[in-house]
Amino acid sequence: MTLPVRRGSRAPLAERRAPGWAAGPLAEFDDLFSRMSSLLESTVGGTLAPVTAGMAWSPLADVSETDDAYQIEVDLPGAKREDIDIEMVGQELVISGELRERERAGVLRRGTRRTGGFEYRALLPGEVNSEGVSAALRDGVLTVGIPKVEKAKPRHIEITTGD
């Protein structure tokens, strides 16, 4: 049995690229983004750059429920109390604010921490008591406690005679 001979580049395997790949794997995403931007510009008359520039990111969060309350824990490392805004609109909790980049001495070689405007929204499944909401910021974790509305307890009604 014979195997086909591979013809083509004699470059070392490390230097060969898969067909269609540009200089780096992320270059194709840049090309795709550029094509989408030009398509949007030709159809709507705008670009994607202004749309994505002001977008808020959403921090990581856990939502838990007990019999009488909801508790939401949001990761906001480095956030200050005065940079966070919490609002209740009906059954929806909105946590927004801004994480500012801290001043550094020297040159930042790599940065993966998120900065800028953030927004977290949670629509709670039951009725809540918005007057009793509490919030605490400790060790970079914002904990918001939202009590549930006290349900009407069943009441036994005694039947009397009509005399």
C-alpha atoms as a PDB file:
ATOM      1  CA  MET A   1       0.000   0.000   0.000  1.00  0.00           C
ATOM      2  CA  THR A   2       1.335   3.388  -0.896  1.00  0.00           C
ATOM      3  CA  LEU A   3       0.631   6.677   0.838  1.00  0.00           C
ATOM      4  CA  PRO A   4       0.170   9.938  -1.022  1.00  0.00           C
ATOM      5  CA  VAL A   5       3.132  12.243  -1.058  1.00  0.00           C
ATOM      6  CA  ARG A   6       2.570  15.642   0.471  1.00  0.00           C
ATOM      7  CA  ARG A   7       3.808  18.358  -1.803  1.00  0.00           C
ATOM      8  CA  GLY A   8       4.181  21.970  -0.890  1.00  0.00           C
ATOM      9  CA  SER A   9       6.030  23.917   1.722  1.00  0.00           C
ATOM     10  CA  ARG A  10       9.242  22.480   3.099  1.00  0.00           C
ATOM     11  CA  ALA A  11       9.048  24.865   6.066  1.00  0.00           C
ATOM     12  CA  PRO A  12       9.316  23.331   9.527  1.00  0.00           C
ATOM     13  CA  LEU A  13       6.022  22.226  11.043  1.00  0.00           C
ATOM     14  CA  ALA A  14       6.108  25.034  13.632  1.00  0.00           C
ATOM     15  CA  GLU A  15       6.197  27.640  10.862  1.00  0.00           C
ATOM     16  CA  ARG A  16       3.354  26.145   8.796  1.00  0.00           C
ATOM     17  CA  ARG A  17      -0.117  27.588   9.231  1.00  0.00           C
ATOM     18  CA  ALA A  18      -3.456  25.989   8.704  1.00  0.00           C
ATOM     19  CA  PRO A  19      -5.101  27.094   5.476  1.00  0.00           C
ATOM     20  CA  GLY A  20      -6.997  30.326   5.955  1.00  0.00           C
ATOM     21  CA  TRP A  21      -5.166  31.402   9.109  1.00  0.00           C
ATOM     22  CA  ALA A  22      -3.606  34.809   9.118  1.00  0.00           C
ATOM     23  CA  ALA A  23      -0.505  35.803  11.074  1.00  0.00           C
ATOM     24  CA  GLY A  24      -2.209  34.869  14.353  1.00  0.00           C
ATOM     25  CA  PRO A  25      -5.428  33.164  15.409  1.00  0.00           C
ATOM     26  CA  LEU A  26      -6.966  36.439  16.594  1.00  0.00           C
ATOM     27  CA  ALA A  27      -6.343  38.115  13.250  1.00  0.00           C
ATOM     28  CA  GLU A  28      -9.382  36.312  11.819  1.00  0.00           C
ATOM     29  CA  PHE A  29     -11.564  37.778  14.576  1.00  0.00           C
ATOM     30  CA  ASP A  30     -10.204  41.236  13.754  1.00  0.00           C
ATOM     31  CA  ASP A  31     -11.048  40.628  10.102  1.00  0.00           C
ATOM     32  CA  LEU A  32     -14.551  39.426  11.001  1.00  0.00           C
ATOM     33  CA  PHE A  33     -15.123  42.463  13.236  1.00  0.00           C
ATOM     34  CA  SER A  34     -13.912  44.742  10.441  1.00  0.00           C
ATOM     35  CA  ARG A  35     -16.303  43.108   7.947  1.00  0.00           C
ATOM     36  CA  MET A  36     -19.231  43.395  10.373  1.00  0.00           C
ATOM     37  CA  SER A  37     -18.401  47.041  10.981  1.00  0.00           C
ATOM     38  CA  SER A  38     -18.336  47.823   7.264  1.00  0.00           C
ATOM     39  CA  LEU A  39     -21.616  45.916   6.741  1.00  0.00           C
ATOM     40  CA  LEU A  40     -23.271  47.910   9.526  1.00  0.00           C
ATOM     41  CA  GLU A  41     -21.861  51.138   8.136  1.00  0.00           C
ATOM     42  CA  SER A  42     -23.186  50.392   4.645  1.00  0.00           C
ATOM     43  CA  THR A  43     -26.684  49.424   5.838  1.00  0.00           C
ATOM     44  CA  VAL A  44     -27.337  51.686   8.834  1.00  0.00           C
ATOM     45  CA  GLY A  45     -24.774  54.402   8.380  1.00  0.00           C
ATOM     46  CA  GLY A  46     -22.915  53.877  11.645  1.00  0.00           C
ATOM     47  CA  THR A  47     -19.959  51.914  12.943  1.00  0.00           C
ATOM     48  CA  LEU A  48     -19.577  49.388  15.746  1.00  0.00           C
ATOM     49  CA  ALA A  49     -16.848  51.345  17.531  1.00  0.00           C
ATOM     50  CA  PRO A  50     -19.146  53.876  19.249  1.00  0.00           C
ATOM     51  CA  VAL A  51     -21.579  51.117  20.168  1.00  0.00           C
ATOM     52  CA  THR A  52     -19.009  48.970  21.952  1.00  0.00           C
ATOM     53  CA  ALA A  53     -17.003  51.837  23.459  1.00  0.00           C
ATOM     54  CA  GLY A  54     -19.611  52.828  26.054  1.00  0.00           C
ATOM     55  CA  MET A  55     -20.909  49.359  26.899  1.00  0.00           C
ATOM     56  CA  ALA A  56     -20.951  48.376  30.550  1.00  0.00           C
ATOM     57  CA  TRP A  57     -19.670  44.983  31.601  1.00  0.00           C
ATOM     58  CA  SER A  58     -21.452  42.721  34.064  1.00  0.00           C
ATOM     59  CA  PRO A  59     -19.597  41.501  37.189  1.00  0.00           C
ATOM     60  CA  LEU A  60     -19.787  37.908  38.416  1.00  0.00           C
ATOM     61  CA  ALA A  61     -22.552  37.282  40.950  1.00  0.00           C
ATOM     62  CA  ASP A  62     -24.354  34.586  42.958  1.00  0.00           C
ATOM     63  CA  VAL A  63     -28.072  34.757  43.739  1.00  0.00           C
ATOM     64  CA  SER A  64     -29.409  32.638  46.589  1.00  0.00           C
ATOM     65  CA  GLU A  65     -32.860  32.335  48.138  1.00  0.00           C
ATOM     66  CA  THR A  66     -34.066  31.474  51.619  1.00  0.00           C
ATOM     67  CA  ASP A  67     -37.617  31.226  52.917  1.00  0.00           C
ATOM     68  CA  ASP A  68     -37.746  34.920  53.774  1.00  0.00           C
ATOM     69  CA  ALA A  69     -35.163  36.694  51.571  1.00  0.00           C
ATOM     70  CA  TYR A  70     -32.944  36.771  48.486  1.00  0.00           C
ATOM     71  CA  GLN A  71     -29.208  37.326  48.825  1.00  0.00           C
ATOM     72  CA  ILE A  72     -27.017  38.530  45.979  1.00  0.00           C
ATOM     73  CA  GLU A  73     -23.221  38.518  46.199  1.00  0.00           C
ATOM     74  CA  VAL A  74     -21.401  40.482  43.492  1.00  0.00           C
ATOM     75  CA  ASP A  75     -17.627  40.388  42.930  1.00  0.00           C
ATOM     76  CA  LEU A  76     -16.322  43.965  42.752  1.00  0.00           C
ATOM     77  CA  PRO A  77     -12.625  43.822  43.698  1.00  0.00           C
ATOM     78  CA  GLY A  78     -11.151  47.254  44.306  1.00  0.00           C
ATOM     79  CA  ALA A  79     -14.540  49.022  44.262  1.00  0.00           C
ATOM     80  CA  LYS A  80     -15.270  51.801  46.706  1.00  0.00           C
ATOM     81  CA  ARG A  81     -18.630  52.309  48.356  1.00  0.00           C
ATOM     82  CA  GLU A  82     -19.114  55.710  46.715  1.00  0.00           C
ATOM     83  CA  ASP A  83     -18.545  54.239  43.215  1.00  0.00           C
ATOM     84  CA  ILE A  84     -21.492  51.814  43.468  1.00  0.00           C
ATOM     85  CA  ASP A  85     -25.189  52.608  42.964  1.00  0.00           C
ATOM     86  CA  ILE A  86     -27.949  50.163  43.974  1.00  0.00           C
ATOM     87  CA  GLU A  87     -31.593  50.579  42.904  1.00  0.00           C
ATOM     88  CA  MET A  88     -34.751  48.501  43.259  1.00  0.00           C
ATOM     89  CA  VAL A  89     -37.350  48.969  40.536  1.00  0.00           C
ATOM     90  CA  GLY A  90     -40.274  46.698  41.305  1.00  0.00           C
ATOM     91  CA  GLN A  91     -38.817  43.188  41.406  1.00  0.00           C
ATOM     92  CA  GLU A  92     -35.624  44.150  39.567  1.00  0.00           C
ATOM     93  CA  LEU A  93     -32.349  44.912  41.316  1.00  0.00           C
ATOM     94  CA  VAL A  94     -29.872  47.115  39.418  1.00  0.00           C
ATOM     95  CA  ILE A  95     -26.285  47.465  40.622  1.00  0.00           C
ATOM     96  CA  SER A  96     -24.168  49.873  38.595  1.00  0.00           C
ATOM     97  CA  GLY A  97     -21.043  51.924  38.960  1.00  0.00           C
ATOM     98  CA  GLU A  98     -17.517  52.306  37.761  1.00  0.00           C
ATOM     99  CA  LEU A  99     -14.237  50.624  38.617  1.00  0.00           C
ATOM    100  CA  ARG A 100     -11.414  53.045  37.996  1.00  0.00           C
ATOM    101  CA  GLU A 101      -7.968  51.913  36.986  1.00  0.00           C
ATOM    102  CA  ARG A 102      -5.505  52.669  39.736  1.00  0.00           C
ATOM    103  CA  GLU A 103      -2.425  54.779  39.142  1.00  0.00           C
ATOM    104  CA  ARG A 104       0.759  52.802  38.666  1.00  0.00           C
ATOM    105  CA  ALA A 105       4.439  53.465  38.717  1.00  0.00           C
ATOM    106  CA  GLY A 106       6.118  52.066  35.624  1.00  0.00           C
ATOM    107  CA  VAL A 107       4.632  50.405  32.573  1.00  0.00           C
ATOM    108  CA  LEU A 108       1.738  47.950  32.730  1.00  0.00           C
ATOM    109  CA  ARG A 109       2.902  44.938  30.706  1.00  0.00           C
ATOM    110  CA  ARG A 110      -0.275  42.907  30.961  1.00  0.00           C
ATOM    111  CA  GLY A 111      -3.678  43.811  32.302  1.00  0.00           C
ATOM    112  CA  THR A 112      -6.641  41.460  32.601  1.00  0.00           C
ATOM    113  CA  ARG A 113      -8.667  43.203  35.314  1.00  0.00           C
ATOM    114  CA  ARG A 114     -11.854  44.839  34.169  1.00  0.00           C
ATOM    115  CA  THR A 115     -12.246  48.565  34.611  1.00  0.00           C
ATOM    116  CA  GLY A 116     -14.817  51.086  33.518  1.00  0.00           C
ATOM    117  CA  GLY A 117     -18.581  51.165  33.865  1.00  0.00           C
ATOM    118  CA  PHE A 118     -20.371  48.030  35.057  1.00  0.00           C
ATOM    119  CA  GLU A 119     -24.004  47.034  35.456  1.00  0.00           C
ATOM    120  CA  TYR A 120     -25.606  43.972  37.017  1.00  0.00           C
ATOM    121  CA  ARG A 121     -29.357  43.315  36.792  1.00  0.00           C
ATOM    122  CA  ALA A 122     -31.376  40.612  38.528  1.00  0.00           C
ATOM    123  CA  LEU A 123     -35.115  40.083  38.113  1.00  0.00           C
ATOM    124  CA  LEU A 124     -36.356  38.364  41.251  1.00  0.00           C
ATOM    125  CA  PRO A 125     -39.137  35.776  40.871  1.00  0.00           C
ATOM    126  CA  GLY A 126     -41.281  36.819  43.843  1.00  0.00           C
ATOM    127  CA  GLU A 127     -42.562  39.982  45.468  1.00  0.00           C
ATOM    128  CA  VAL A 128     -39.976  41.777  47.587  1.00  0.00           C
ATOM    129  CA  ASN A 129     -39.956  44.400  50.311  1.00  0.00           C
ATOM    130  CA  SER A 130     -37.890  47.147  48.666  1.00  0.00           C
ATOM    131  CA  GLU A 131     -37.904  49.200  51.885  1.00  0.00           C
ATOM    132  CA  GLY A 132     -35.949  46.518  53.747  1.00  0.00           C
ATOM    133  CA  VAL A 133     -33.062  46.074  51.283  1.00  0.00           C
ATOM    134  CA  SER A 134     -29.606  46.107  52.885  1.00  0.00           C
ATOM    135  CA  ALA A 135     -26.137  46.166  51.323  1.00  0.00           C
ATOM    136  CA  ALA A 136     -22.587  45.672  52.610  1.00  0.00           C
ATOM    137  CA  LEU A 137     -19.216  45.814  50.859  1.00  0.00           C
ATOM    138  CA  ARG A 138     -16.504  43.621  52.408  1.00  0.00           C
ATOM    139  CA  ASP A 139     -13.278  42.309  50.883  1.00  0.00           C
ATOM    140  CA  GLY A 140     -14.335  43.184  47.338  1.00  0.00           C
ATOM    141  CA  VAL A 141     -17.708  41.411  47.574  1.00  0.00           C
ATOM    142  CA  LEU A 142     -20.947  43.393  47.608  1.00  0.00           C
ATOM    143  CA  THR A 143     -23.680  41.522  49.497  1.00  0.00           C
ATOM    144  CA  VAL A 144     -27.268  42.694  48.980  1.00  0.00           C
ATOM    145  CA  GLY A 145     -30.070  41.276  51.137  1.00  0.00           C
ATOM    146  CA  ILE A 146     -33.617  41.649  49.806  1.00  0.00           C
ATOM    147  CA  PRO A 147     -36.456  40.513  52.100  1.00  0.00           C
ATOM    148  CA  LYS A 148     -39.529  38.880  50.603  1.00  0.00           C
ATOM    149  CA  VAL A 149     -43.003  40.281  51.200  1.00  0.00           C
ATOM    150  CA  GLU A 150     -44.640  38.554  54.119  1.00  0.00           C
ATOM    151  CA  LYS A 151     -47.361  36.356  52.751  1.00  0.00           C
ATOM    152  CA  ALA A 152     -50.841  36.544  54.189  1.00  0.00           C
ATOM    153  CA  LYS A 153     -51.210  33.786  56.712  1.00  0.00           C
ATOM    154  CA  PRO A 154     -54.357  31.665  56.501  1.00  0.00           C
ATOM    155  CA  ARG A 155     -56.863  32.524  59.172  1.00  0.00           C
ATOM    156  CA  HIS A 156     -59.438  30.113  60.500  1.00  0.00           C
ATOM    157  CA  ILE A 157     -62.937  31.595  60.493  1.00  0.00           C
ATOM    158  CA  GLU A 158     -65.388  30.313  63.069  1.00  0.00           C
ATOM    159  CA  ILE A 159     -68.933  29.688  61.867  1.00  0.00           C
ATOM    160  CA  THR A 160     -71.666  30.864  64.228  1.00  0.00           C
ATOM    161  CA  THR A 161     -75.351  30.148  64.268  1.00  0.00           C
ATOM    162  CA  GLY A 162     -77.704  32.708  62.748  1.00  0.00           C
ATOM    163  CA  ASP A 163     -79.705  33.356  65.987  1.00  0.00           C
END
